Amino acid sequence: MNNKTIGAELKAQFRRKNHCAFFTTFIVSVLSGLTGIVVSWLVKEFIDLLSNQSRYSLKELLWVSVAFTIFQVFILLLNYYSEPTYISRAMRQYKNKAFGFLSMKNISTFRDENTSSYLSALTNDSTAIEMNNVASLQPIVTKVISFICALVLMVYFSPLLTLFSILIITIPMMVSAVMGKKMAKVQKEVSDRNAEFTSVLTDCLSGFQVIKSFRAEKEVNGLFYDENGKLEDTKCRLKKVEVLTGRMGGIAGMLSQLGVFVVGTYLAQSGKGMTAGTVLMFVNLMNFLIPPVAELPRLLAGKKAAKGLIDKLASSLSQSAASSGEMVESMGEKISFKDVSFSYDDSDKEVLHDINCEFLPGRSYAIVGGSGSGKSTFLNLLMAANNSYKGEIKIGGKDLKTISPDSLYDLMTVIQQNVFIFNSSIKDNVTMFRDFSEESIEEAVNKAHLQELISERGEDYLCGESGKSLSGGEKQRISIARSLLKKSSILLADEVTSALDAKTSHEVINEILELDEMTRIVVTHSLEEAVLRRYDEIVVIKDGTIEEMGDFDTLMNNNGYFKALYTVSK
């Protein structure tokens, strides 16, 4: 979907299955706009009653006051239900939909993006959208209704004084129009600064161990202080615009009310049929003319800025969202690479070149080579992390570039060196929060050798943030159990044992090699003979090219590059 379609979908979430709360909030806003007008009229009639100029008796005005009070309580109760419900449901649905679109993006696009922009969009920007777009419904409607009703009442009692009142409020109108445009511009700058600040904060927290080990606290603190200062300076500019707009509107309002008071007094003394109560009513009604004029441009500018934030998020979400393609249910007879070459960022230097090889179903393969030889890049291409390669990669007889990403992710499972563990239970991390039968879970746990961990701590044991309560081997076993539950036909493993001790490394590799119902392609730096002999085939990569292929004995007998690597590792 394009950004316009996604933007429309996001905006539609505010009222989807939310119409009752929305319309109730709208009605409450309309009724709230009438209340101030009624109070102004009551004040007029009570003052005129003191001078025997009112058409109503004290008893009649008291009954109106009682009825008005009951009406106010009714509005309060209605508002107690409607507005919080409307705002809560609107924001919940908006963020849910946004995250749903985010989860549809393909791996390669998401990997190249700055995730802090999404963190900011779903936190800081969402707060701004709630305040300036969703929660602004009631104040905008209330102010518009009160403005119209005040104007109608004023015209009814004195068209001449009403004309003067309209002329005098042009000053705050011009101030608001100018400052409203300024506010929308600064609001966007605040959003951009929030994203940059979130990015720096994420880096500082994620790299805490590195910062401490290199004693770079002072430098990183300086980086944080600088970005925090820029953010707060931009927010300060926004606050200054808000304060200036409010103060200028207040000053213009006071001058306007004073002018109406003076002119109204003159008309009353000149025998123009103006009563004292009517003059005070006009002065009071100015409170319902000036604030809308002063604040509506700001509120509308905020609403426009909020929609800009939604469009900004929609633009990011629309970039290479997961697209449709051919479905593939199994790897078929083989996975094949034919004349595959690849370079990053259109560089002339190829990381991989002229790769030709095949992987047969149910067999195990080790990808070995020196550091920087292209082993991980080779695996990334198979995971469709980048489709800008030359040549042809086929799975199940279909070109990798034409296969639906969802279908591809169903077909294969990836185990990374750094396994991500959610701050949830062991069971949730194994099942990835999905429902499976107890028999399936138990089978996966047994094959991944997780029984000991679960018997010691229980399946509801919380793993901690990023799995900090688990060892590296325990994390890897959880990732293997995930793969088994998923029942994929292809297992890709990238340097899964590089951060593990020798004993744990040996156990994890054994567990992977025992999964003979899957095609296993393992990138490894370990050249242990006992393990390498268990692979059906070893693919040796040197400087981006496949140098040799074969089982352990064949490669050793060739006396080639593999034997040199193996000899050096001893």
Protein backbone atom coordinates (compact mmCIF):
# COMPACT_ATOMS: atom_id res chain seq x y z
CA MET A 1 0.00 0.00 0.00
CA ASN A 2 1.13 3.56 -0.64
CA ASN A 3 1.51 6.21 2.05
CA LYS A 4 -1.84 7.87 1.23
CA THR A 5 -3.72 4.61 1.69
CA ILE A 6 -1.88 3.83 4.93
CA GLY A 7 -2.42 7.40 6.17
CA ALA A 8 -6.15 7.13 5.47
CA GLU A 9 -6.26 3.77 7.28
CA LEU A 10 -4.50 5.21 10.32
CA LYS A 11 -6.82 8.23 10.49
CA ALA A 12 -9.87 5.99 10.13
CA GLN A 13 -8.91 4.19 13.35
CA PHE A 14 -9.98 7.16 15.50
CA ARG A 15 -13.67 6.52 14.77
CA ARG A 16 -13.71 2.85 13.80
CA LYS A 17 -16.13 1.06 16.15
CA ASN A 18 -16.04 4.29 18.12
CA HIS A 19 -18.97 6.17 16.65
CA CYS A 20 -21.18 6.08 19.74
CA ALA A 21 -18.50 7.60 21.99
CA PHE A 22 -17.55 10.07 19.24
CA PHE A 23 -21.07 11.39 18.65
CA THR A 24 -21.79 11.50 22.38
CA THR A 25 -18.62 13.55 22.87
CA PHE A 26 -19.69 15.79 20.00
CA ILE A 27 -23.14 16.34 21.53
CA VAL A 28 -21.62 17.08 24.93
CA SER A 29 -19.31 19.59 23.26
CA VAL A 30 -22.28 21.32 21.63
CA LEU A 31 -24.22 21.43 24.89
CA SER A 32 -21.14 22.69 26.75
CA GLY A 33 -20.87 25.52 24.26
CA LEU A 34 -24.40 26.63 25.23
CA THR A 35 -23.86 26.66 28.99
CA GLY A 36 -21.76 29.83 29.13
CA ILE A 37 -24.27 31.66 26.98
CA VAL A 38 -27.11 30.67 29.33
CA VAL A 39 -25.12 31.89 32.36
CA SER A 40 -24.49 35.24 30.63
CA TRP A 41 -28.20 35.61 29.94
CA LEU A 42 -29.10 34.71 33.55
CA VAL A 43 -26.63 37.32 34.88
CA LYS A 44 -28.24 39.93 32.63
CA GLU A 45 -31.75 39.10 33.79
CA PHE A 46 -30.81 39.08 37.50
CA ILE A 47 -29.09 42.48 37.19
CA ASP A 48 -32.01 43.91 35.24
CA LEU A 49 -34.37 42.48 37.87
CA LEU A 50 -32.61 44.61 40.49
CA SER A 51 -33.53 47.71 38.51
CA ASN A 52 -37.03 46.40 37.63
CA GLN A 53 -36.09 46.11 33.94
CA SER A 54 -36.40 42.33 33.57
CA ARG A 55 -39.36 40.61 31.95
CA TYR A 56 -39.09 37.70 34.41
CA SER A 57 -39.85 37.35 38.09
CA LEU A 58 -37.36 36.14 40.69
CA LYS A 59 -39.25 32.85 41.01
CA GLU A 60 -39.08 32.23 37.26
CA LEU A 61 -35.34 32.95 37.16
CA LEU A 62 -34.75 30.64 40.13
CA TRP A 63 -36.61 27.80 38.39
CA VAL A 64 -34.50 28.38 35.26
CA SER A 65 -31.36 28.31 37.45
CA VAL A 66 -32.38 25.01 39.06
CA ALA A 67 -33.21 23.44 35.70
CA PHE A 68 -29.90 24.71 34.32
CA THR A 69 -27.99 23.16 37.25
CA ILE A 70 -29.65 19.77 36.68
CA PHE A 71 -28.82 20.07 33.00
CA GLN A 72 -25.17 20.72 33.92
CA VAL A 73 -25.04 17.58 36.07
CA PHE A 74 -26.46 15.59 33.14
CA ILE A 75 -23.75 16.96 30.83
CA LEU A 76 -21.09 16.11 33.42
CA LEU A 77 -22.23 12.50 33.68
CA LEU A 78 -22.46 12.17 29.91
CA ASN A 79 -18.99 13.62 29.47
CA TYR A 80 -17.59 11.33 32.20
CA TYR A 81 -18.39 8.35 29.98
CA SER A 82 -17.99 9.64 26.46
CA GLU A 83 -14.75 11.64 26.13
CA PRO A 84 -12.34 9.30 27.99
CA THR A 85 -13.84 6.30 26.17
CA TYR A 86 -13.55 7.99 22.78
CA ILE A 87 -9.92 9.09 23.31
CA SER A 88 -8.80 5.77 24.81
CA ARG A 89 -10.35 3.64 22.06
CA ALA A 90 -9.16 5.97 19.30
CA MET A 91 -5.52 5.93 20.44
CA ARG A 92 -5.52 2.20 21.17
CA GLN A 93 -6.81 1.43 17.67
CA TYR A 94 -4.45 3.95 16.03
CA LYS A 95 -1.32 2.51 17.68
CA ASN A 96 -2.48 -1.06 17.11
CA LYS A 97 -3.00 -0.36 13.41
CA ALA A 98 0.34 1.43 13.10
CA PHE A 99 2.18 -1.46 14.72
CA GLY A 100 0.26 -3.88 12.51
CA PHE A 101 1.53 -2.07 9.41
CA LEU A 102 5.02 -2.02 10.91
CA SER A 103 4.97 -5.79 11.41
CA MET A 104 4.13 -6.22 7.70
CA LYS A 105 7.43 -4.69 6.56
CA ASN A 106 9.99 -7.08 5.16
CA ILE A 107 13.20 -7.85 7.01
CA SER A 108 15.58 -6.16 4.57
CA THR A 109 13.76 -2.82 4.63
CA PHE A 110 13.34 -2.78 8.39
CA ARG A 111 17.00 -3.67 8.93
CA ASP A 112 18.09 -0.56 7.00
CA GLU A 113 15.76 1.81 8.86
CA ASN A 114 16.30 3.82 12.03
CA THR A 115 14.04 2.12 14.57
CA SER A 116 14.16 5.19 16.84
CA SER A 117 11.82 6.97 14.40
CA TYR A 118 9.19 4.31 15.10
CA LEU A 119 9.82 4.49 18.85
CA SER A 120 9.26 8.24 18.71
CA ALA A 121 6.20 7.88 16.44
CA LEU A 122 4.49 5.44 18.81
CA THR A 123 5.38 7.36 22.00
CA ASN A 124 6.09 11.10 21.70
CA ASP A 125 4.24 11.64 18.43
CA SER A 126 1.27 9.57 19.62
CA THR A 127 1.00 11.80 22.69
CA ALA A 128 1.02 14.89 20.46
CA ILE A 129 -1.61 13.31 18.17
CA GLU A 130 -3.80 12.50 21.16
CA MET A 131 -3.61 16.03 22.54
CA ASN A 132 -3.80 17.99 19.29
CA ASN A 133 -6.07 15.81 17.17
CA VAL A 134 -8.22 13.40 19.19
CA ALA A 135 -8.65 15.33 22.45
CA SER A 136 -9.04 18.63 20.60
CA LEU A 137 -12.54 17.65 19.36
CA GLN A 138 -14.35 18.89 22.45
CA PRO A 139 -12.59 22.27 22.86
CA ILE A 140 -12.90 23.06 19.15
CA VAL A 141 -16.61 22.21 18.95
CA THR A 142 -17.35 23.93 22.28
CA LYS A 143 -15.60 27.13 21.24
CA VAL A 144 -17.26 27.22 17.79
CA ILE A 145 -20.74 26.69 19.29
CA SER A 146 -20.19 29.25 22.06
CA PHE A 147 -18.89 31.76 19.48
CA ILE A 148 -21.94 31.34 17.23
CA CYS A 149 -24.47 31.41 20.08
CA ALA A 150 -22.82 34.42 21.73
CA LEU A 151 -22.91 36.28 18.43
CA VAL A 152 -26.60 35.44 17.88
CA LEU A 153 -27.52 36.62 21.40
CA MET A 154 -25.53 39.82 21.00
CA VAL A 155 -27.18 40.63 17.66
CA TYR A 156 -30.60 40.01 19.24
CA PHE A 157 -30.02 42.56 22.02
CA SER A 158 -27.90 45.18 20.23
CA PRO A 159 -26.78 44.95 16.58
CA LEU A 160 -24.81 48.21 16.97
CA LEU A 161 -22.74 47.01 19.95
CA THR A 162 -22.31 43.63 18.24
CA LEU A 163 -20.81 45.33 15.17
CA PHE A 164 -18.34 47.20 17.39
CA SER A 165 -17.48 43.94 19.18
CA ILE A 166 -16.75 42.17 15.88
CA LEU A 167 -14.50 45.01 14.71
CA ILE A 168 -12.53 45.04 17.95
CA ILE A 169 -11.77 41.28 17.95
CA THR A 170 -9.94 41.53 14.61
CA ILE A 171 -6.74 42.24 16.57
CA PRO A 172 -6.64 38.89 18.40
CA MET A 173 -7.75 37.19 15.16
CA MET A 174 -4.67 38.43 13.29
CA VAL A 175 -2.37 37.55 16.20
CA SER A 176 -3.74 33.99 16.34
CA ALA A 177 -3.50 33.44 12.59
CA VAL A 178 0.17 34.42 12.50
CA MET A 179 1.17 32.50 15.63
CA GLY A 180 -0.80 29.40 14.62
CA LYS A 181 1.32 28.92 11.49
CA LYS A 182 4.47 29.40 13.51
CA MET A 183 3.32 26.80 16.04
CA ALA A 184 2.69 24.10 13.41
CA LYS A 185 6.22 24.55 12.05
CA VAL A 186 7.87 24.33 15.48
CA GLN A 187 5.71 21.30 16.43
CA LYS A 188 7.21 19.36 13.50
CA GLU A 189 10.71 20.38 14.58
CA VAL A 190 9.95 19.02 18.07
CA SER A 191 8.85 15.71 16.52
CA ASP A 192 12.07 15.43 14.51
CA ARG A 193 14.18 16.27 17.57
CA ASN A 194 12.31 13.66 19.62
CA ALA A 195 13.20 11.00 17.07
CA GLU A 196 16.90 11.98 17.13
CA PHE A 197 16.93 12.06 20.95
CA THR A 198 15.28 8.62 21.12
CA SER A 199 17.92 7.28 18.72
CA VAL A 200 20.81 8.55 20.88
CA LEU A 201 19.17 7.30 24.08
CA THR A 202 18.63 3.84 22.55
CA ASP A 203 22.28 3.68 21.48
CA CYS A 204 23.49 4.76 24.93
CA LEU A 205 21.41 2.12 26.72
CA SER A 206 22.08 -0.67 24.22
CA GLY A 207 25.82 0.02 24.28
CA PHE A 208 26.11 0.46 28.04
CA GLN A 209 28.56 -2.44 28.44
CA VAL A 210 30.79 -1.14 25.65
CA ILE A 211 30.70 2.37 27.11
CA LYS A 212 31.81 1.12 30.52
CA SER A 213 34.50 -1.21 29.19
CA PHE A 214 36.10 1.58 27.14
CA ARG A 215 35.62 4.15 29.93
CA ALA A 216 33.79 6.42 27.49
CA GLU A 217 31.27 7.73 30.04
CA LYS A 218 32.38 11.36 29.69
CA GLU A 219 32.20 11.35 25.90
CA VAL A 220 28.85 9.55 25.78
CA ASN A 221 27.46 11.85 28.47
CA GLY A 222 28.50 14.76 26.28
CA LEU A 223 26.69 13.18 23.32
CA PHE A 224 23.56 12.72 25.43
CA TYR A 225 23.76 16.24 26.91
CA ASP A 226 24.11 17.76 23.44
CA GLU A 227 21.11 15.93 21.97
CA ASN A 228 19.02 16.52 25.09
CA GLY A 229 19.88 20.22 24.94
CA LYS A 230 18.81 20.47 21.31
CA LEU A 231 15.49 18.77 22.10
CA GLU A 232 14.75 20.98 25.11
CA ASP A 233 15.76 24.14 23.20
CA THR A 234 13.28 23.23 20.44
CA LYS A 235 10.56 22.49 23.01
CA CYS A 236 11.38 25.80 24.68
CA ARG A 237 10.80 27.57 21.36
CA LEU A 238 7.44 25.85 21.06
CA LYS A 239 6.51 26.85 24.61
CA LYS A 240 7.52 30.46 23.89
CA VAL A 241 5.22 30.51 20.86
CA GLU A 242 2.40 29.08 23.00
CA VAL A 243 3.01 31.59 25.80
CA LEU A 244 3.27 34.51 23.37
CA THR A 245 0.07 33.45 21.63
CA GLY A 246 -1.77 33.08 24.92
CA ARG A 247 -0.50 36.34 26.42
CA MET A 248 -1.13 38.40 23.31
CA GLY A 249 -4.59 36.90 23.04
CA GLY A 250 -5.21 37.72 26.71
CA ILE A 251 -4.09 41.34 26.35
CA ALA A 252 -6.15 41.79 23.19
CA GLY A 253 -9.10 40.22 25.02
CA MET A 254 -8.87 42.62 27.96
CA LEU A 255 -8.67 45.61 25.65
CA SER A 256 -11.63 44.32 23.66
CA GLN A 257 -13.75 43.80 26.79
CA LEU A 258 -12.82 47.23 28.09
CA GLY A 259 -13.77 48.78 24.74
CA VAL A 260 -17.15 46.99 24.77
CA PHE A 261 -17.73 48.15 28.36
CA VAL A 262 -16.99 51.76 27.44
CA VAL A 263 -19.16 51.75 24.30
CA GLY A 264 -21.97 49.89 26.06
CA THR A 265 -21.95 52.40 28.93
CA TYR A 266 -22.10 55.23 26.41
CA LEU A 267 -25.08 53.66 24.63
CA ALA A 268 -26.88 53.10 27.96
CA GLN A 269 -26.36 56.72 29.02
CA SER A 270 -27.41 57.97 25.58
CA GLY A 271 -30.82 56.34 25.91
CA LYS A 272 -30.28 53.77 23.18
CA GLY A 273 -32.35 51.18 25.06
CA MET A 274 -29.28 49.56 26.62
CA THR A 275 -29.68 48.28 30.19
CA ALA A 276 -26.91 47.72 32.73
CA GLY A 277 -27.58 43.99 32.59
CA THR A 278 -27.21 44.00 28.79
CA VAL A 279 -23.85 45.82 28.99
CA LEU A 280 -22.54 43.28 31.53
CA MET A 281 -23.89 40.44 29.39
CA PHE A 282 -21.98 41.79 26.37
CA VAL A 283 -18.79 42.07 28.41
CA ASN A 284 -19.28 38.50 29.60
CA LEU A 285 -20.13 37.24 26.10
CA MET A 286 -16.84 38.65 24.84
CA ASN A 287 -15.29 35.74 26.75
CA PHE A 288 -16.96 33.47 24.20
CA LEU A 289 -15.89 35.51 21.18
CA ILE A 290 -12.25 36.29 21.98
CA PRO A 291 -10.99 32.84 23.20
CA PRO A 292 -12.25 31.04 20.07
CA VAL A 293 -10.67 33.71 17.88
CA ALA A 294 -7.43 33.53 19.89
CA GLU A 295 -7.28 29.77 20.40
CA LEU A 296 -9.01 28.17 17.40
CA PRO A 297 -6.13 28.91 15.00
CA ARG A 298 -3.75 27.33 17.53
CA LEU A 299 -6.02 24.31 17.99
CA LEU A 300 -6.50 23.91 14.25
CA ALA A 301 -2.76 24.35 13.67
CA GLY A 302 -2.13 21.64 16.27
CA LYS A 303 -4.65 19.41 14.51
CA LYS A 304 -2.89 20.02 11.19
CA ALA A 305 0.50 19.30 12.79
CA ALA A 306 -0.90 16.05 14.26
CA LYS A 307 -2.12 14.96 10.83
CA GLY A 308 1.36 15.77 9.54
CA LEU A 309 2.81 13.38 12.13
CA ILE A 310 0.38 10.67 10.97
CA ASP A 311 1.38 11.25 7.33
CA LYS A 312 5.05 11.13 8.36
CA LEU A 313 4.55 7.72 9.99
CA ALA A 314 2.49 6.52 7.02
CA SER A 315 5.33 7.48 4.68
CA SER A 316 7.80 5.39 6.71
CA LEU A 317 5.41 2.45 6.94
CA SER A 318 4.75 2.45 3.20
CA GLN A 319 8.42 1.97 2.32
CA SER A 320 8.79 -1.59 1.08
CA ALA A 321 6.03 -3.10 3.15
CA ALA A 322 5.78 -6.84 2.65
CA SER A 323 4.35 -7.40 -0.80
CA SER A 324 2.54 -10.26 -2.41
CA GLY A 325 4.30 -12.90 -4.45
CA GLU A 326 4.34 -16.58 -5.29
CA MET A 327 3.58 -19.07 -2.54
CA VAL A 328 6.00 -21.92 -1.90
CA GLU A 329 5.07 -24.71 0.49
CA SER A 330 8.35 -26.64 0.54
CA MET A 331 11.91 -26.32 -0.67
CA GLY A 332 11.17 -28.95 -3.32
CA GLU A 333 14.12 -30.88 -4.60
CA LYS A 334 16.77 -28.32 -3.68
CA ILE A 335 17.92 -24.77 -3.05
CA SER A 336 20.12 -23.59 -5.88
CA PHE A 337 22.51 -20.65 -6.40
CA LYS A 338 23.42 -19.95 -10.03
CA ASP A 339 26.05 -17.32 -10.95
CA VAL A 340 25.14 -15.23 -7.90
CA SER A 341 27.16 -12.06 -7.26
CA PHE A 342 26.48 -9.32 -4.74
CA SER A 343 27.89 -5.95 -3.64
CA TYR A 344 26.69 -3.46 -1.04
CA ASP A 345 25.45 0.04 -1.96
CA ASP A 346 26.15 -0.38 -5.70
CA SER A 347 29.85 -0.66 -4.95
CA ASP A 348 32.16 -2.03 -7.63
CA LYS A 349 33.70 -4.37 -5.06
CA GLU A 350 31.71 -7.60 -4.93
CA VAL A 351 31.32 -9.28 -1.57
CA LEU A 352 30.19 -12.48 -3.31
CA HIS A 353 30.84 -13.38 -6.92
CA ASP A 354 29.95 -16.29 -9.20
CA ILE A 355 28.39 -18.43 -6.46
CA ASN A 356 27.14 -21.79 -7.76
CA CYS A 357 25.94 -24.47 -5.35
CA GLU A 358 22.99 -26.64 -4.34
CA PHE A 359 21.45 -27.67 -1.01
CA LEU A 360 19.38 -30.86 -0.92
CA PRO A 361 16.41 -31.48 1.43
CA GLY A 362 17.09 -33.01 4.84
CA ARG A 363 20.86 -32.65 4.66
CA SER A 364 23.25 -30.62 6.81
CA TYR A 365 25.72 -28.06 5.46
CA ALA A 366 28.49 -26.08 7.13
CA ILE A 367 29.56 -22.75 5.63
CA VAL A 368 33.17 -22.03 6.63
CA GLY A 369 35.82 -19.50 5.67
CA GLY A 370 38.06 -16.80 6.98
CA SER A 371 36.82 -13.60 8.61
CA GLY A 372 35.21 -11.27 6.05
CA SER A 373 35.02 -13.97 3.39
CA GLY A 374 31.27 -13.45 2.84
CA LYS A 375 29.79 -16.32 4.89
CA SER A 376 27.10 -14.24 6.65
CA THR A 377 26.31 -12.32 3.44
CA PHE A 378 25.74 -15.67 1.73
CA LEU A 379 23.20 -16.62 4.40
CA ASN A 380 21.56 -13.16 4.32
CA LEU A 381 20.85 -13.52 0.59
CA LEU A 382 19.12 -16.80 1.25
CA MET A 383 17.00 -15.05 3.90
CA ALA A 384 15.96 -12.44 1.25
CA ALA A 385 17.61 -9.72 3.33
CA ASN A 386 18.71 -8.05 0.09
CA ASN A 387 17.40 -8.71 -3.42
CA SER A 388 19.89 -6.57 -5.32
CA TYR A 389 22.09 -9.55 -6.21
CA LYS A 390 22.92 -10.69 -9.71
CA GLY A 391 22.24 -14.22 -10.82
CA GLU A 392 19.55 -16.60 -9.64
CA ILE A 393 18.55 -18.15 -6.32
CA LYS A 394 15.75 -20.71 -6.42
CA ILE A 395 13.79 -22.42 -3.66
CA GLY A 396 11.23 -25.07 -4.53
CA GLY A 397 11.89 -24.34 -8.21
CA LYS A 398 10.80 -20.70 -7.81
CA ASP A 399 12.95 -17.58 -8.01
CA LEU A 400 13.60 -16.15 -4.55
CA LYS A 401 12.77 -12.63 -5.77
CA THR A 402 9.25 -13.71 -6.76
CA ILE A 403 8.41 -15.62 -3.58
CA SER A 404 6.02 -13.97 -1.11
CA PRO A 405 7.96 -12.86 2.01
CA ASP A 406 5.31 -14.42 4.26
CA SER A 407 5.60 -17.71 2.39
CA LEU A 408 9.40 -17.58 2.66
CA TYR A 409 9.29 -16.92 6.42
CA ASP A 410 6.95 -19.90 6.81
CA LEU A 411 9.43 -22.06 4.95
CA MET A 412 12.58 -21.23 6.88
CA THR A 413 13.71 -20.49 10.41
CA VAL A 414 16.77 -18.44 11.33
CA ILE A 415 18.88 -18.81 14.46
CA GLN A 416 21.14 -15.81 14.98
CA GLN A 417 24.26 -15.48 17.09
CA ASN A 418 22.41 -13.14 19.42
CA VAL A 419 19.02 -14.71 20.14
CA PHE A 420 16.36 -12.18 21.06
CA ILE A 421 14.43 -13.13 24.17
CA PHE A 422 11.30 -11.28 25.26
CA ASN A 423 10.83 -10.20 28.86
CA SER A 424 8.25 -12.92 29.32
CA SER A 425 8.05 -16.56 30.39
CA ILE A 426 10.15 -19.40 28.97
CA LYS A 427 6.98 -20.88 27.48
CA ASP A 428 6.00 -17.60 25.77
CA ASN A 429 9.49 -17.32 24.30
CA VAL A 430 9.34 -20.87 22.97
CA THR A 431 5.84 -20.51 21.50
CA MET A 432 6.31 -16.84 20.49
CA PHE A 433 2.98 -16.14 22.22
CA ARG A 434 1.05 -18.51 19.93
CA ASP A 435 -1.12 -21.47 20.85
CA PHE A 436 0.25 -24.98 20.42
CA SER A 437 -0.80 -28.30 21.86
CA GLU A 438 0.99 -29.38 25.04
CA GLU A 439 2.27 -32.46 23.17
CA SER A 440 3.91 -30.28 20.48
CA ILE A 441 5.51 -28.01 23.06
CA GLU A 442 6.80 -30.95 25.09
CA GLU A 443 8.27 -32.58 21.98
CA ALA A 444 10.06 -29.35 20.97
CA VAL A 445 11.36 -28.82 24.52
CA ASN A 446 12.70 -32.38 24.68
CA LYS A 447 14.45 -32.20 21.29
CA ALA A 448 15.99 -28.82 22.20
CA HIS A 449 17.12 -30.21 25.59
CA LEU A 450 15.27 -27.56 27.57
CA GLN A 451 13.81 -30.02 30.09
CA GLU A 452 16.47 -29.32 32.72
CA LEU A 453 15.94 -25.55 32.58
CA ILE A 454 12.14 -25.87 32.82
CA SER A 455 12.30 -28.43 35.63
CA GLU A 456 14.59 -26.12 37.62
CA ARG A 457 12.76 -22.83 37.06
CA GLY A 458 9.37 -23.69 35.61
CA GLU A 459 7.90 -22.78 32.22
CA ASP A 460 6.48 -19.52 33.67
CA TYR A 461 9.93 -18.28 34.72
CA LEU A 462 10.46 -14.69 33.49
CA CYS A 463 13.52 -14.47 31.25
CA GLY A 464 14.21 -10.78 31.91
CA GLU A 465 14.88 -7.95 29.46
CA SER A 466 16.67 -9.39 26.39
CA GLY A 467 16.90 -12.70 28.30
CA LYS A 468 19.36 -11.38 30.86
CA SER A 469 18.29 -14.09 33.32
CA LEU A 470 19.40 -16.87 30.93
CA SER A 471 22.79 -18.11 29.76
CA GLY A 472 23.84 -18.03 26.12
CA GLY A 473 23.28 -21.76 25.75
CA GLU A 474 19.80 -21.55 27.26
CA LYS A 475 18.87 -18.79 24.82
CA GLN A 476 20.09 -20.85 21.88
CA ARG A 477 18.10 -23.87 23.06
CA ILE A 478 14.98 -21.70 23.24
CA SER A 479 15.63 -20.59 19.65
CA ILE A 480 15.97 -24.24 18.57
CA ALA A 481 12.68 -25.10 20.31
CA ARG A 482 11.03 -22.20 18.47
CA SER A 483 12.28 -23.62 15.17
CA LEU A 484 10.92 -27.07 15.95
CA LEU A 485 7.48 -25.74 16.90
CA LYS A 486 7.35 -23.72 13.70
CA LYS A 487 7.95 -26.95 11.72
CA SER A 488 9.92 -25.19 8.99
CA SER A 489 11.72 -27.25 6.39
CA ILE A 490 14.87 -25.09 6.32
CA LEU A 491 17.00 -24.05 9.30
CA LEU A 492 19.61 -21.31 8.87
CA ALA A 493 22.11 -20.74 11.67
CA ASP A 494 24.61 -17.86 11.69
CA GLU A 495 27.59 -18.17 14.05
CA VAL A 496 25.29 -19.46 16.79
CA THR A 497 28.13 -20.72 18.99
CA SER A 498 30.69 -17.90 18.69
CA ALA A 499 29.76 -16.42 22.08
CA LEU A 500 29.47 -19.77 23.89
CA ASP A 501 32.02 -21.80 25.82
CA ALA A 502 33.38 -24.98 24.22
CA LYS A 503 31.09 -27.38 26.13
CA THR A 504 27.89 -25.41 25.48
CA SER A 505 28.93 -24.78 21.88
CA HIS A 506 29.35 -28.51 21.29
CA GLU A 507 25.94 -29.25 22.85
CA VAL A 508 24.10 -26.62 20.79
CA ILE A 509 25.65 -27.75 17.48
CA ASN A 510 24.79 -31.37 18.31
CA GLU A 511 21.19 -30.34 18.96
CA ILE A 512 21.03 -28.60 15.56
CA LEU A 513 22.60 -31.55 13.73
CA GLU A 514 20.10 -33.92 15.32
CA LEU A 515 17.23 -32.13 13.55
CA ASP A 516 17.51 -34.42 10.53
CA GLU A 517 13.96 -33.65 9.36
CA MET A 518 15.14 -30.15 8.38
CA THR A 519 17.66 -28.86 5.86
CA ARG A 520 20.33 -27.27 8.05
CA ILE A 521 22.70 -24.61 6.69
CA VAL A 522 25.09 -23.47 9.40
CA VAL A 523 27.64 -20.65 9.17
CA THR A 524 30.36 -21.52 11.64
CA HIS A 525 33.83 -20.37 12.69
CA SER A 526 34.44 -23.58 14.62
CA LEU A 527 36.61 -26.15 12.83
CA GLU A 528 36.35 -28.99 15.32
CA GLU A 529 36.87 -32.29 13.49
CA ALA A 530 34.31 -34.29 15.47
CA VAL A 531 31.58 -31.77 14.60
CA LEU A 532 32.62 -31.14 10.99
CA ARG A 533 32.54 -34.85 10.23
CA ARG A 534 28.83 -34.89 11.06
CA TYR A 535 27.92 -32.43 8.26
CA ASP A 536 26.88 -33.98 4.96
CA GLU A 537 28.79 -31.29 3.11
CA ILE A 538 31.10 -28.39 3.91
CA VAL A 539 31.03 -25.24 1.72
CA VAL A 540 34.33 -23.35 1.89
CA ILE A 541 34.21 -19.65 0.97
CA LYS A 542 37.32 -17.59 0.23
CA ASP A 543 37.18 -13.91 -0.74
CA GLY A 544 33.52 -14.14 -1.74
CA THR A 545 33.91 -17.24 -3.91
CA ILE A 546 33.20 -20.90 -3.22
CA GLU A 547 36.68 -22.38 -3.08
CA GLU A 548 35.77 -25.99 -2.26
CA MET A 549 32.84 -28.23 -1.43
CA GLY A 550 32.72 -31.74 0.04
CA ASP A 551 32.68 -33.75 3.22
CA PHE A 552 35.47 -33.49 5.80
CA ASP A 553 37.62 -36.35 4.49
CA THR A 554 37.34 -35.24 0.87
CA LEU A 555 38.40 -31.67 1.70
CA MET A 556 41.32 -32.83 3.84
CA ASN A 557 42.51 -35.13 1.07
CA ASN A 558 42.36 -32.24 -1.42
CA ASN A 559 45.15 -30.47 0.49
CA GLY A 560 43.53 -27.15 -0.43
CA TYR A 561 42.32 -24.01 1.32
CA PHE A 562 40.12 -25.90 3.82
CA LYS A 563 43.04 -28.00 5.06
CA ALA A 564 45.05 -24.81 5.54
CA LEU A 565 42.22 -23.24 7.56
CA TYR A 566 41.82 -26.38 9.62
CA THR A 567 45.56 -26.65 10.28
CA VAL A 568 45.84 -22.99 11.37
CA SER A 569 42.90 -23.41 13.79
CA LYS A 570 44.69 -26.20 15.69
